[in-house]
Amino acid sequence: MNSANYNKITKTTPKGVSQYGLYSSNSNNNKIYDNLFNNTNNFFLSSSTNIWNIPPKQSA
């Protein structure tokens, strides 16, 4: 981690389920997440220090 300051964030899945976690920004201003999301529906990456990726838009 390049930053010691963590921020609490909230993301909402398409199903409306809020999920919480901590992130830190590295020198490229990428948000690095620490084990924040459970892997329900494989919607979020949940491994430590993975960069969170926004899944592709899903058709209705």
PDB file of N, CA and C in Angstrom:
ATOM      1  N   MET A   1       0.838  -1.184   0.000  1.00  0.00           N
ATOM      2  CA  MET A   1       0.000   0.000   0.000  1.00  0.00           C
ATOM      3  C   MET A   1       0.884   1.248   0.000  1.00  0.00           C
ATOM      4  N   ASN A   2       0.571   2.157  -0.892  1.00  0.00           N
ATOM      5  CA  ASN A   2       1.324   3.397  -0.943  1.00  0.00           C
ATOM      6  C   ASN A   2       0.708   4.471  -0.058  1.00  0.00           C
ATOM      7  N   SER A   3      -0.489   4.208   0.418  1.00  0.00           N
ATOM      8  CA  SER A   3      -1.162   5.177   1.273  1.00  0.00           C
ATOM      9  C   SER A   3      -1.611   4.502   2.548  1.00  0.00           C
ATOM     10  N   ALA A   4      -1.381   5.170   3.662  1.00  0.00           N
ATOM     11  CA  ALA A   4      -1.783   4.601   4.947  1.00  0.00           C
ATOM     12  C   ALA A   4      -3.218   4.967   5.291  1.00  0.00           C
ATOM     13  N   ASN A   5      -3.796   5.850   4.511  1.00  0.00           N
ATOM     14  CA  ASN A   5      -5.157   6.294   4.804  1.00  0.00           C
ATOM     15  C   ASN A   5      -6.168   5.438   4.073  1.00  0.00           C
ATOM     16  N   TYR A   6      -7.072   4.852   4.859  1.00  0.00           N
ATOM     17  CA  TYR A   6      -8.108   4.017   4.270  1.00  0.00           C
ATOM     18  C   TYR A   6      -9.424   4.771   4.275  1.00  0.00           C
ATOM     19  N   ASN A   7     -10.244   4.475   3.312  1.00  0.00           N
ATOM     20  CA  ASN A   7     -11.532   5.137   3.195  1.00  0.00           C
ATOM     21  C   ASN A   7     -12.619   4.090   3.112  1.00  0.00           C
ATOM     22  N   LYS A   8     -13.692   4.324   3.841  1.00  0.00           N
ATOM     23  CA  LYS A   8     -14.807   3.395   3.735  1.00  0.00           C
ATOM     24  C   LYS A   8     -15.633   3.757   2.508  1.00  0.00           C
ATOM     25  N   ILE A   9     -15.950   2.755   1.704  1.00  0.00           N
ATOM     26  CA  ILE A   9     -16.727   2.997   0.497  1.00  0.00           C
ATOM     27  C   ILE A   9     -17.950   2.111   0.496  1.00  0.00           C
ATOM     28  N   THR A  10     -18.934   2.512  -0.252  1.00  0.00           N
ATOM     29  CA  THR A  10     -20.138   1.707  -0.422  1.00  0.00           C
ATOM     30  C   THR A  10     -20.407   1.577  -1.910  1.00  0.00           C
ATOM     31  N   LYS A  11     -20.597   0.367  -2.353  1.00  0.00           N
ATOM     32  CA  LYS A  11     -21.013   0.136  -3.731  1.00  0.00           C
ATOM     33  C   LYS A  11     -22.327  -0.628  -3.670  1.00  0.00           C
ATOM     34  N   THR A  12     -23.164  -0.430  -4.658  1.00  0.00           N
ATOM     35  CA  THR A  12     -24.435  -1.136  -4.695  1.00  0.00           C
ATOM     36  C   THR A  12     -24.477  -2.012  -5.937  1.00  0.00           C
ATOM     37  N   THR A  13     -24.808  -3.266  -5.749  1.00  0.00           N
ATOM     38  CA  THR A  13     -24.911  -4.186  -6.873  1.00  0.00           C
ATOM     39  C   THR A  13     -26.196  -3.905  -7.637  1.00  0.00           C
ATOM     40  N   PRO A  14     -26.332  -4.441  -8.851  1.00  0.00           N
ATOM     41  CA  PRO A  14     -27.577  -4.250  -9.600  1.00  0.00           C
ATOM     42  C   PRO A  14     -28.796  -4.772  -8.854  1.00  0.00           C
ATOM     43  N   LYS A  15     -28.577  -5.726  -7.946  1.00  0.00           N
ATOM     44  CA  LYS A  15     -29.697  -6.247  -7.176  1.00  0.00           C
ATOM     45  C   LYS A  15     -29.988  -5.370  -5.962  1.00  0.00           C
ATOM     46  N   GLY A  16     -29.258  -4.297  -5.799  1.00  0.00           N
ATOM     47  CA  GLY A  16     -29.530  -3.363  -4.718  1.00  0.00           C
ATOM     48  C   GLY A  16     -28.919  -3.746  -3.389  1.00  0.00           C
ATOM     49  N   VAL A  17     -27.964  -4.665  -3.395  1.00  0.00           N
ATOM     50  CA  VAL A  17     -27.339  -5.088  -2.149  1.00  0.00           C
ATOM     51  C   VAL A  17     -26.085  -4.251  -1.922  1.00  0.00           C
ATOM     52  N   SER A  18     -26.066  -3.499  -0.848  1.00  0.00           N
ATOM     53  CA  SER A  18     -24.888  -2.688  -0.546  1.00  0.00           C
ATOM     54  C   SER A  18     -23.765  -3.575  -0.033  1.00  0.00           C
ATOM     55  N   GLN A  19     -22.553  -3.309  -0.485  1.00  0.00           N
ATOM     56  CA  GLN A  19     -21.401  -4.058  -0.012  1.00  0.00           C
ATOM     57  C   GLN A  19     -20.337  -3.038   0.379  1.00  0.00           C
ATOM     58  N   TYR A  20     -19.584  -3.376   1.408  1.00  0.00           N
ATOM     59  CA  TYR A  20     -18.694  -2.400   2.009  1.00  0.00           C
ATOM     60  C   TYR A  20     -17.254  -2.870   1.971  1.00  0.00           C
ATOM     61  N   GLY A  21     -16.340  -1.942   2.044  1.00  0.00           N
ATOM     62  CA  GLY A  21     -14.946  -2.324   2.121  1.00  0.00           C
ATOM     63  C   GLY A  21     -14.047  -1.128   2.322  1.00  0.00           C
ATOM     64  N   LEU A  22     -12.763  -1.411   2.416  1.00  0.00           N
ATOM     65  CA  LEU A  22     -11.758  -0.368   2.574  1.00  0.00           C
ATOM     66  C   LEU A  22     -10.883  -0.353   1.336  1.00  0.00           C
ATOM     67  N   TYR A  23     -10.468   0.831   0.950  1.00  0.00           N
ATOM     68  CA  TYR A  23      -9.524   0.896  -0.147  1.00  0.00           C
ATOM     69  C   TYR A  23      -8.436   1.912   0.157  1.00  0.00           C
ATOM     70  N   SER A  24      -7.353   1.768  -0.539  1.00  0.00           N
ATOM     71  CA  SER A  24      -6.270   2.732  -0.479  1.00  0.00           C
ATOM     72  C   SER A  24      -5.865   3.030  -1.912  1.00  0.00           C
ATOM     73  N   SER A  25      -5.421   4.240  -2.180  1.00  0.00           N
ATOM     74  CA  SER A  25      -5.004   4.582  -3.535  1.00  0.00           C
ATOM     75  C   SER A  25      -3.493   4.449  -3.668  1.00  0.00           C
ATOM     76  N   ASN A  26      -3.052   3.886  -4.800  1.00  0.00           N
ATOM     77  CA  ASN A  26      -1.620   3.800  -5.028  1.00  0.00           C
ATOM     78  C   ASN A  26      -1.146   5.011  -5.826  1.00  0.00           C
ATOM     79  N   SER A  27       0.107   5.004  -6.237  1.00  0.00           N
ATOM     80  CA  SER A  27       0.670   6.186  -6.883  1.00  0.00           C
ATOM     81  C   SER A  27       0.008   6.496  -8.223  1.00  0.00           C
ATOM     82  N   ASN A  28      -0.670   5.508  -8.808  1.00  0.00           N
ATOM     83  CA  ASN A  28      -1.391   5.746 -10.058  1.00  0.00           C
ATOM     84  C   ASN A  28      -2.851   6.077  -9.806  1.00  0.00           C
ATOM     85  N   ASN A  29      -3.174   6.301  -8.533  1.00  0.00           N
ATOM     86  CA  ASN A  29      -4.536   6.646  -8.135  1.00  0.00           C
ATOM     87  C   ASN A  29      -5.542   5.535  -8.433  1.00  0.00           C
ATOM     88  N   ASN A  30      -5.044   4.284  -8.483  1.00  0.00           N
ATOM     89  CA  ASN A  30      -5.950   3.149  -8.564  1.00  0.00           C
ATOM     90  C   ASN A  30      -6.407   2.808  -7.161  1.00  0.00           C
ATOM     91  N   LYS A  31      -7.667   2.471  -7.030  1.00  0.00           N
ATOM     92  CA  LYS A  31      -8.150   2.085  -5.713  1.00  0.00           C
ATOM     93  C   LYS A  31      -7.829   0.608  -5.481  1.00  0.00           C
ATOM     94  N   ILE A  32      -7.124   0.336  -4.401  1.00  0.00           N
ATOM     95  CA  ILE A  32      -6.753  -1.030  -4.056  1.00  0.00           C
ATOM     96  C   ILE A  32      -7.660  -1.463  -2.911  1.00  0.00           C
ATOM     97  N   TYR A  33      -8.344  -2.560  -3.099  1.00  0.00           N
ATOM     98  CA  TYR A  33      -9.332  -2.995  -2.115  1.00  0.00           C
ATOM     99  C   TYR A  33      -8.820  -4.186  -1.317  1.00  0.00           C
ATOM    100  N   ASP A  34      -9.149  -4.205  -0.052  1.00  0.00           N
ATOM    101  CA  ASP A  34      -8.723  -5.284   0.832  1.00  0.00           C
ATOM    102  C   ASP A  34      -9.911  -6.133   1.257  1.00  0.00           C
ATOM    103  N   ASN A  35     -10.045  -7.300   0.646  1.00  0.00           N
ATOM    104  CA  ASN A  35     -11.042  -8.291   1.073  1.00  0.00           C
ATOM    105  C   ASN A  35     -12.394  -7.682   1.381  1.00  0.00           C
ATOM    106  N   LEU A  36     -12.848  -6.767   0.527  1.00  0.00           N
ATOM    107  CA  LEU A  36     -14.017  -6.006   0.917  1.00  0.00           C
ATOM    108  C   LEU A  36     -15.328  -6.613   0.484  1.00  0.00           C
ATOM    109  N   PHE A  37     -15.334  -7.255  -0.671  1.00  0.00           N
ATOM    110  CA  PHE A  37     -16.611  -7.731  -1.177  1.00  0.00           C
ATOM    111  C   PHE A  37     -16.688  -9.240  -1.058  1.00  0.00           C
ATOM    112  N   ASN A  38     -17.847  -9.722  -0.650  1.00  0.00           N
ATOM    113  CA  ASN A  38     -17.998 -11.166  -0.723  1.00  0.00           C
ATOM    114  C   ASN A  38     -18.168 -11.527  -2.184  1.00  0.00           C
ATOM    115  N   ASN A  39     -18.065 -12.784  -2.485  1.00  0.00           N
ATOM    116  CA  ASN A  39     -18.039 -13.188  -3.881  1.00  0.00           C
ATOM    117  C   ASN A  39     -19.410 -13.630  -4.375  1.00  0.00           C
ATOM    118  N   THR A  40     -20.477 -13.130  -3.748  1.00  0.00           N
ATOM    119  CA  THR A  40     -21.824 -13.486  -4.169  1.00  0.00           C
ATOM    120  C   THR A  40     -22.021 -13.119  -5.631  1.00  0.00           C
ATOM    121  N   ASN A  41     -22.438 -14.065  -6.406  1.00  0.00           N
ATOM    122  CA  ASN A  41     -22.657 -13.892  -7.849  1.00  0.00           C
ATOM    123  C   ASN A  41     -21.384 -13.484  -8.596  1.00  0.00           C
ATOM    124  N   ASN A  42     -20.244 -13.643  -7.932  1.00  0.00           N
ATOM    125  CA  ASN A  42     -18.968 -13.270  -8.544  1.00  0.00           C
ATOM    126  C   ASN A  42     -18.986 -11.855  -9.098  1.00  0.00           C
ATOM    127  N   PHE A  43     -19.734 -10.980  -8.440  1.00  0.00           N
ATOM    128  CA  PHE A  43     -19.885  -9.621  -8.974  1.00  0.00           C
ATOM    129  C   PHE A  43     -18.663  -8.768  -8.685  1.00  0.00           C
ATOM    130  N   PHE A  44     -18.045  -9.001  -7.521  1.00  0.00           N
ATOM    131  CA  PHE A  44     -16.863  -8.233  -7.160  1.00  0.00           C
ATOM    132  C   PHE A  44     -15.685  -9.159  -6.926  1.00  0.00           C
ATOM    133  N   LEU A  45     -14.517  -8.673  -7.213  1.00  0.00           N
ATOM    134  CA  LEU A  45     -13.310  -9.380  -6.806  1.00  0.00           C
ATOM    135  C   LEU A  45     -13.202  -9.295  -5.294  1.00  0.00           C
ATOM    136  N   SER A  46     -12.757 -10.372  -4.664  1.00  0.00           N
ATOM    137  CA  SER A  46     -12.709 -10.352  -3.212  1.00  0.00           C
ATOM    138  C   SER A  46     -11.323 -10.674  -2.667  1.00  0.00           C
ATOM    139  N   SER A  47     -10.359 -10.929  -3.533  1.00  0.00           N
ATOM    140  CA  SER A  47      -9.024 -11.252  -3.053  1.00  0.00           C
ATOM    141  C   SER A  47      -8.308  -9.997  -2.569  1.00  0.00           C
ATOM    142  N   SER A  48      -7.483 -10.180  -1.558  1.00  0.00           N
ATOM    143  CA  SER A  48      -6.760  -9.044  -0.989  1.00  0.00           C
ATOM    144  C   SER A  48      -5.909  -8.354  -2.053  1.00  0.00           C
ATOM    145  N   THR A  49      -5.931  -7.045  -2.027  1.00  0.00           N
ATOM    146  CA  THR A  49      -5.124  -6.159  -2.873  1.00  0.00           C
ATOM    147  C   THR A  49      -5.461  -6.232  -4.359  1.00  0.00           C
ATOM    148  N   ASN A  50      -6.559  -6.886  -4.721  1.00  0.00           N
ATOM    149  CA  ASN A  50      -6.966  -6.797  -6.120  1.00  0.00           C
ATOM    150  C   ASN A  50      -7.530  -5.416  -6.397  1.00  0.00           C
ATOM    151  N   ILE A  51      -7.340  -4.939  -7.604  1.00  0.00           N
ATOM    152  CA  ILE A  51      -7.966  -3.685  -8.011  1.00  0.00           C
ATOM    153  C   ILE A  51      -9.388  -4.009  -8.417  1.00  0.00           C
ATOM    154  N   TRP A  52     -10.322  -3.245  -7.868  1.00  0.00           N
ATOM    155  CA  TRP A  52     -11.723  -3.499  -8.156  1.00  0.00           C
ATOM    156  C   TRP A  52     -12.012  -3.198  -9.615  1.00  0.00           C
ATOM    157  N   ASN A  53     -12.703  -4.124 -10.264  1.00  0.00           N
ATOM    158  CA  ASN A  53     -13.065  -3.934 -11.665  1.00  0.00           C
ATOM    159  C   ASN A  53     -14.568  -3.830 -11.804  1.00  0.00           C
ATOM    160  N   ILE A  54     -15.012  -2.901 -12.619  1.00  0.00           N
ATOM    161  CA  ILE A  54     -16.441  -2.771 -12.883  1.00  0.00           C
ATOM    162  C   ILE A  54     -16.811  -3.811 -13.934  1.00  0.00           C
ATOM    163  N   PRO A  55     -17.774  -4.674 -13.625  1.00  0.00           N
ATOM    164  CA  PRO A  55     -18.164  -5.697 -14.595  1.00  0.00           C
ATOM    165  C   PRO A  55     -18.791  -5.058 -15.835  1.00  0.00           C
ATOM    166  N   PRO A  56     -18.811  -5.775 -16.943  1.00  0.00           N
ATOM    167  CA  PRO A  56     -19.455  -5.246 -18.144  1.00  0.00           C
ATOM    168  C   PRO A  56     -20.931  -4.990 -17.896  1.00  0.00           C
ATOM    169  N   LYS A  57     -21.485  -4.031 -18.609  1.00  0.00           N
ATOM    170  CA  LYS A  57     -22.918  -3.781 -18.479  1.00  0.00           C
ATOM    171  C   LYS A  57     -23.678  -5.011 -18.953  1.00  0.00           C
ATOM    172  N   GLN A  58     -24.730  -5.336 -18.210  1.00  0.00           N
ATOM    173  CA  GLN A  58     -25.530  -6.498 -18.569  1.00  0.00           C
ATOM    174  C   GLN A  58     -26.800  -6.038 -19.259  1.00  0.00           C
ATOM    175  N   SER A  59     -27.178  -6.755 -20.312  1.00  0.00           N
ATOM    176  CA  SER A  59     -28.401  -6.391 -21.019  1.00  0.00           C
ATOM    177  C   SER A  59     -29.612  -6.735 -20.164  1.00  0.00           C
ATOM    178  N   ALA A  60     -30.678  -5.981 -20.350  1.00  0.00           N
ATOM    179  CA  ALA A  60     -31.871  -6.173 -19.532  1.00  0.00           C
ATOM    180  C   ALA A  60     -32.560  -7.484 -19.884  1.00  0.00           C
TER     181      ALA A  60
END
